[in-house]
Amino acid sequence: MVNYAFDLAIWTALFFITGMYKPQWPLFFMKKPERFLILIITTVLVMVTFTLYGEGTRRTKLELVNQPALSKEFTPVPVPVPVPVPAPAQQPH
């Protein structure tokens, strides 16, 4: 997730720079794009980027914390295995 956050941050920076230079380039589908709309979209993308980064670091920390606990808690314990014993032979009367 952290990798996606960095990728999105790069795309956000490119979107912002090109949008402030020529708003017609990133918003090619609009008739009359404005720089204010570029600013709003960039703000939303920055919030998504920070959320992705925060969630990714939180998950990696949880994995690191839980990893040693699992290895200590679930160590294999030898369990006695029942061995079949042959039945005694019956004597004829």
N, C-alpha and C. Protein backbone atom coordinates (compact mmCIF):
# COMPACT_ATOMS: atom_id res chain seq x y z
N MET A 1 0.81 -1.20 0.00
CA MET A 1 0.00 0.00 0.00
C MET A 1 0.85 1.26 0.00
N VAL A 2 1.99 1.17 0.65
CA VAL A 2 2.87 2.33 0.71
C VAL A 2 3.41 2.64 -0.69
N ASN A 3 3.68 1.60 -1.47
CA ASN A 3 4.14 1.83 -2.84
C ASN A 3 3.07 2.54 -3.67
N TYR A 4 1.83 2.15 -3.48
CA TYR A 4 0.73 2.81 -4.19
C TYR A 4 0.61 4.28 -3.77
N ALA A 5 0.88 4.54 -2.50
CA ALA A 5 0.80 5.92 -2.02
C ALA A 5 1.87 6.78 -2.70
N PHE A 6 3.08 6.24 -2.84
CA PHE A 6 4.13 7.00 -3.51
C PHE A 6 3.81 7.21 -4.99
N ASP A 7 3.27 6.18 -5.63
CA ASP A 7 2.88 6.32 -7.04
C ASP A 7 1.80 7.39 -7.20
N LEU A 8 0.81 7.35 -6.32
CA LEU A 8 -0.27 8.34 -6.39
C LEU A 8 0.24 9.74 -6.09
N ALA A 9 1.22 9.85 -5.21
CA ALA A 9 1.80 11.17 -4.91
C ALA A 9 2.50 11.75 -6.14
N ILE A 10 3.19 10.91 -6.87
CA ILE A 10 3.86 11.38 -8.10
C ILE A 10 2.82 11.83 -9.13
N TRP A 11 1.76 11.02 -9.31
CA TRP A 11 0.71 11.39 -10.26
C TRP A 11 -0.01 12.66 -9.82
N THR A 12 -0.19 12.83 -8.52
CA THR A 12 -0.84 14.04 -8.01
C THR A 12 0.02 15.27 -8.29
N ALA A 13 1.32 15.15 -8.06
CA ALA A 13 2.21 16.28 -8.33
C ALA A 13 2.21 16.64 -9.82
N LEU A 14 2.25 15.63 -10.67
CA LEU A 14 2.20 15.89 -12.12
C LEU A 14 0.88 16.53 -12.52
N PHE A 15 -0.21 16.04 -11.96
CA PHE A 15 -1.53 16.62 -12.24
C PHE A 15 -1.58 18.08 -11.81
N PHE A 16 -1.05 18.37 -10.64
CA PHE A 16 -1.09 19.73 -10.13
C PHE A 16 -0.23 20.68 -10.97
N ILE A 17 0.98 20.24 -11.30
CA ILE A 17 1.89 21.11 -12.06
C ILE A 17 1.34 21.38 -13.45
N THR A 18 0.90 20.32 -14.14
CA THR A 18 0.36 20.54 -15.49
C THR A 18 -0.96 21.30 -15.44
N GLY A 19 -1.75 21.07 -14.40
CA GLY A 19 -3.03 21.77 -14.28
C GLY A 19 -2.88 23.25 -13.98
N MET A 20 -1.86 23.59 -13.23
CA MET A 20 -1.62 25.01 -12.96
C MET A 20 -1.01 25.71 -14.17
N TYR A 21 -0.28 24.98 -14.97
CA TYR A 21 0.30 25.56 -16.18
C TYR A 21 -0.76 25.71 -17.27
N LYS A 22 -1.42 24.63 -17.61
CA LYS A 22 -2.49 24.64 -18.62
C LYS A 22 -3.62 23.74 -18.13
N PRO A 23 -4.67 24.29 -17.60
CA PRO A 23 -5.77 23.45 -17.09
C PRO A 23 -6.46 22.63 -18.18
N GLN A 24 -6.27 22.98 -19.43
CA GLN A 24 -6.92 22.24 -20.51
C GLN A 24 -6.29 20.86 -20.70
N TRP A 25 -5.05 20.67 -20.29
CA TRP A 25 -4.39 19.39 -20.51
C TRP A 25 -4.95 18.29 -19.59
N PRO A 26 -4.93 18.44 -18.28
CA PRO A 26 -5.48 17.34 -17.47
C PRO A 26 -7.01 17.26 -17.52
N LEU A 27 -7.67 18.38 -17.74
CA LEU A 27 -9.14 18.39 -17.81
C LEU A 27 -9.57 18.58 -19.26
N PHE A 28 -9.08 17.71 -20.11
CA PHE A 28 -9.34 17.84 -21.55
C PHE A 28 -10.81 17.63 -21.90
N PHE A 29 -11.56 16.97 -21.06
CA PHE A 29 -12.95 16.64 -21.36
C PHE A 29 -13.90 17.78 -21.02
N MET A 30 -13.42 18.85 -20.41
CA MET A 30 -14.27 19.98 -20.06
C MET A 30 -14.14 21.09 -21.09
N LYS A 31 -15.21 21.86 -21.26
CA LYS A 31 -15.17 22.97 -22.22
C LYS A 31 -14.34 24.13 -21.68
N LYS A 32 -14.53 24.47 -20.40
CA LYS A 32 -13.83 25.61 -19.83
C LYS A 32 -13.29 25.23 -18.44
N PRO A 33 -12.16 24.53 -18.39
CA PRO A 33 -11.62 24.14 -17.08
C PRO A 33 -11.00 25.33 -16.36
N GLU A 34 -11.00 25.26 -15.03
CA GLU A 34 -10.45 26.34 -14.22
C GLU A 34 -9.36 25.78 -13.31
N ARG A 35 -8.49 26.66 -12.88
CA ARG A 35 -7.42 26.26 -11.98
C ARG A 35 -7.96 25.92 -10.59
N PHE A 36 -9.09 26.51 -10.22
CA PHE A 36 -9.68 26.21 -8.92
C PHE A 36 -10.12 24.75 -8.85
N LEU A 37 -10.64 24.22 -9.96
CA LEU A 37 -11.04 22.81 -10.01
C LEU A 37 -9.80 21.91 -9.90
N ILE A 38 -8.71 22.32 -10.50
CA ILE A 38 -7.45 21.58 -10.37
C ILE A 38 -7.03 21.54 -8.90
N LEU A 39 -7.16 22.65 -8.22
CA LEU A 39 -6.80 22.73 -6.80
C LEU A 39 -7.68 21.81 -5.95
N ILE A 40 -8.97 21.75 -6.23
CA ILE A 40 -9.88 20.89 -5.48
C ILE A 40 -9.54 19.42 -5.70
N ILE A 41 -9.32 19.03 -6.95
CA ILE A 41 -8.99 17.64 -7.26
C ILE A 41 -7.66 17.26 -6.64
N THR A 42 -6.70 18.17 -6.67
CA THR A 42 -5.40 17.90 -6.07
C THR A 42 -5.52 17.72 -4.56
N THR A 43 -6.35 18.51 -3.91
CA THR A 43 -6.55 18.37 -2.47
C THR A 43 -7.13 17.00 -2.13
N VAL A 44 -8.09 16.55 -2.90
CA VAL A 44 -8.67 15.23 -2.67
C VAL A 44 -7.63 14.13 -2.89
N LEU A 45 -6.84 14.25 -3.95
CA LEU A 45 -5.81 13.25 -4.23
C LEU A 45 -4.74 13.22 -3.15
N VAL A 46 -4.40 14.38 -2.59
CA VAL A 46 -3.42 14.42 -1.49
C VAL A 46 -3.98 13.72 -0.26
N MET A 47 -5.25 13.93 0.04
CA MET A 47 -5.86 13.26 1.18
C MET A 47 -5.88 11.74 0.98
N VAL A 48 -6.18 11.29 -0.23
CA VAL A 48 -6.17 9.86 -0.52
C VAL A 48 -4.76 9.30 -0.39
N THR A 49 -3.77 10.06 -0.85
CA THR A 49 -2.38 9.62 -0.76
C THR A 49 -1.95 9.46 0.70
N PHE A 50 -2.26 10.43 1.54
CA PHE A 50 -1.88 10.34 2.95
C PHE A 50 -2.62 9.20 3.65
N THR A 51 -3.87 8.98 3.28
CA THR A 51 -4.62 7.87 3.87
C THR A 51 -4.01 6.53 3.48
N LEU A 52 -3.66 6.37 2.21
CA LEU A 52 -3.01 5.14 1.76
C LEU A 52 -1.69 4.91 2.48
N TYR A 53 -0.91 5.96 2.62
CA TYR A 53 0.39 5.83 3.29
C TYR A 53 0.21 5.46 4.76
N GLY A 54 -0.70 6.13 5.43
CA GLY A 54 -0.94 5.85 6.84
C GLY A 54 -1.45 4.44 7.07
N GLU A 55 -2.38 4.00 6.24
CA GLU A 55 -2.92 2.65 6.38
C GLU A 55 -1.86 1.60 6.07
N GLY A 56 -1.03 1.88 5.08
CA GLY A 56 0.04 0.93 4.74
C GLY A 56 1.07 0.79 5.85
N THR A 57 1.46 1.89 6.45
CA THR A 57 2.42 1.81 7.56
C THR A 57 1.80 1.17 8.79
N ARG A 58 0.51 1.40 9.02
CA ARG A 58 -0.17 0.77 10.15
C ARG A 58 -0.21 -0.74 9.98
N ARG A 59 -0.50 -1.19 8.77
CA ARG A 59 -0.56 -2.64 8.53
C ARG A 59 0.81 -3.30 8.65
N THR A 60 1.85 -2.63 8.17
CA THR A 60 3.18 -3.22 8.30
C THR A 60 3.62 -3.28 9.77
N LYS A 61 3.27 -2.27 10.55
CA LYS A 61 3.59 -2.31 11.98
C LYS A 61 2.85 -3.43 12.68
N LEU A 62 1.57 -3.63 12.34
CA LEU A 62 0.80 -4.72 12.94
C LEU A 62 1.38 -6.08 12.56
N GLU A 63 1.84 -6.23 11.33
CA GLU A 63 2.44 -7.49 10.92
C GLU A 63 3.73 -7.76 11.68
N LEU A 64 4.53 -6.72 11.90
CA LEU A 64 5.78 -6.89 12.63
C LEU A 64 5.53 -7.19 14.10
N VAL A 65 4.51 -6.58 14.68
CA VAL A 65 4.21 -6.83 16.09
C VAL A 65 3.64 -8.23 16.28
N ASN A 66 2.77 -8.66 15.40
CA ASN A 66 2.12 -9.97 15.55
C ASN A 66 3.01 -11.13 15.13
N GLN A 67 4.00 -10.90 14.33
CA GLN A 67 4.85 -11.98 13.83
C GLN A 67 5.59 -12.70 14.97
N PRO A 68 6.31 -12.02 15.86
CA PRO A 68 7.00 -12.75 16.94
C PRO A 68 6.01 -13.40 17.91
N ALA A 69 4.87 -12.80 18.15
CA ALA A 69 3.89 -13.36 19.07
C ALA A 69 3.37 -14.69 18.54
N LEU A 70 3.18 -14.79 17.25
CA LEU A 70 2.69 -16.04 16.68
C LEU A 70 3.72 -17.15 16.81
N SER A 71 4.99 -16.83 16.60
CA SER A 71 6.01 -17.87 16.67
C SER A 71 6.21 -18.35 18.10
N LYS A 72 6.05 -17.48 19.11
CA LYS A 72 6.19 -17.90 20.50
C LYS A 72 4.96 -18.67 20.96
N GLU A 73 3.81 -18.24 20.54
CA GLU A 73 2.57 -18.83 21.02
C GLU A 73 2.31 -20.20 20.42
N PHE A 74 2.65 -20.40 19.18
CA PHE A 74 2.33 -21.62 18.48
C PHE A 74 3.56 -22.48 18.21
N THR A 75 4.37 -22.72 19.23
CA THR A 75 5.50 -23.62 19.04
C THR A 75 4.97 -25.05 19.09
N PRO A 76 5.46 -25.90 18.23
CA PRO A 76 4.94 -27.27 18.22
C PRO A 76 5.37 -28.02 19.48
N VAL A 77 4.43 -28.70 20.08
CA VAL A 77 4.67 -29.49 21.28
C VAL A 77 4.53 -30.96 20.90
N PRO A 78 5.51 -31.80 21.30
CA PRO A 78 5.37 -33.22 20.94
C PRO A 78 4.17 -33.86 21.65
N VAL A 79 3.40 -34.57 20.89
CA VAL A 79 2.19 -35.22 21.40
C VAL A 79 2.40 -36.72 21.28
N PRO A 80 2.13 -37.49 22.36
CA PRO A 80 2.29 -38.94 22.24
C PRO A 80 1.27 -39.52 21.26
N VAL A 81 1.76 -40.40 20.42
CA VAL A 81 0.92 -41.03 19.41
C VAL A 81 0.58 -42.44 19.88
N PRO A 82 -0.69 -42.81 19.91
CA PRO A 82 -1.03 -44.18 20.35
C PRO A 82 -0.55 -45.21 19.33
N VAL A 83 0.06 -46.27 19.88
CA VAL A 83 0.57 -47.34 19.03
C VAL A 83 -0.36 -48.54 19.20
N PRO A 84 -0.81 -49.13 18.11
CA PRO A 84 -1.71 -50.28 18.24
C PRO A 84 -0.98 -51.49 18.83
N VAL A 85 -1.65 -52.16 19.75
CA VAL A 85 -1.09 -53.36 20.39
C VAL A 85 -1.85 -54.57 19.85
N PRO A 86 -1.13 -55.63 19.46
CA PRO A 86 -1.84 -56.80 18.93
C PRO A 86 -2.67 -57.48 20.02
N ALA A 87 -3.80 -57.99 19.64
CA ALA A 87 -4.70 -58.67 20.57
C ALA A 87 -4.10 -60.02 20.96
N PRO A 88 -4.25 -60.41 22.23
CA PRO A 88 -3.71 -61.72 22.63
C PRO A 88 -4.45 -62.87 21.91
N ALA A 89 -3.68 -63.87 21.62
CA ALA A 89 -4.28 -65.04 20.93
C ALA A 89 -5.18 -65.80 21.88
N GLN A 90 -6.29 -66.28 21.41
CA GLN A 90 -7.24 -67.01 22.24
C GLN A 90 -6.82 -68.49 22.29
N GLN A 91 -6.81 -69.07 23.51
CA GLN A 91 -6.45 -70.49 23.65
C GLN A 91 -7.72 -71.36 23.52
N PRO A 92 -7.62 -72.49 22.79
CA PRO A 92 -8.79 -73.36 22.66
C PRO A 92 -9.03 -74.14 23.96
N HIS A 93 -10.25 -74.38 24.37
CA HIS A 93 -10.60 -75.10 25.62
C HIS A 93 -10.90 -76.51 25.35
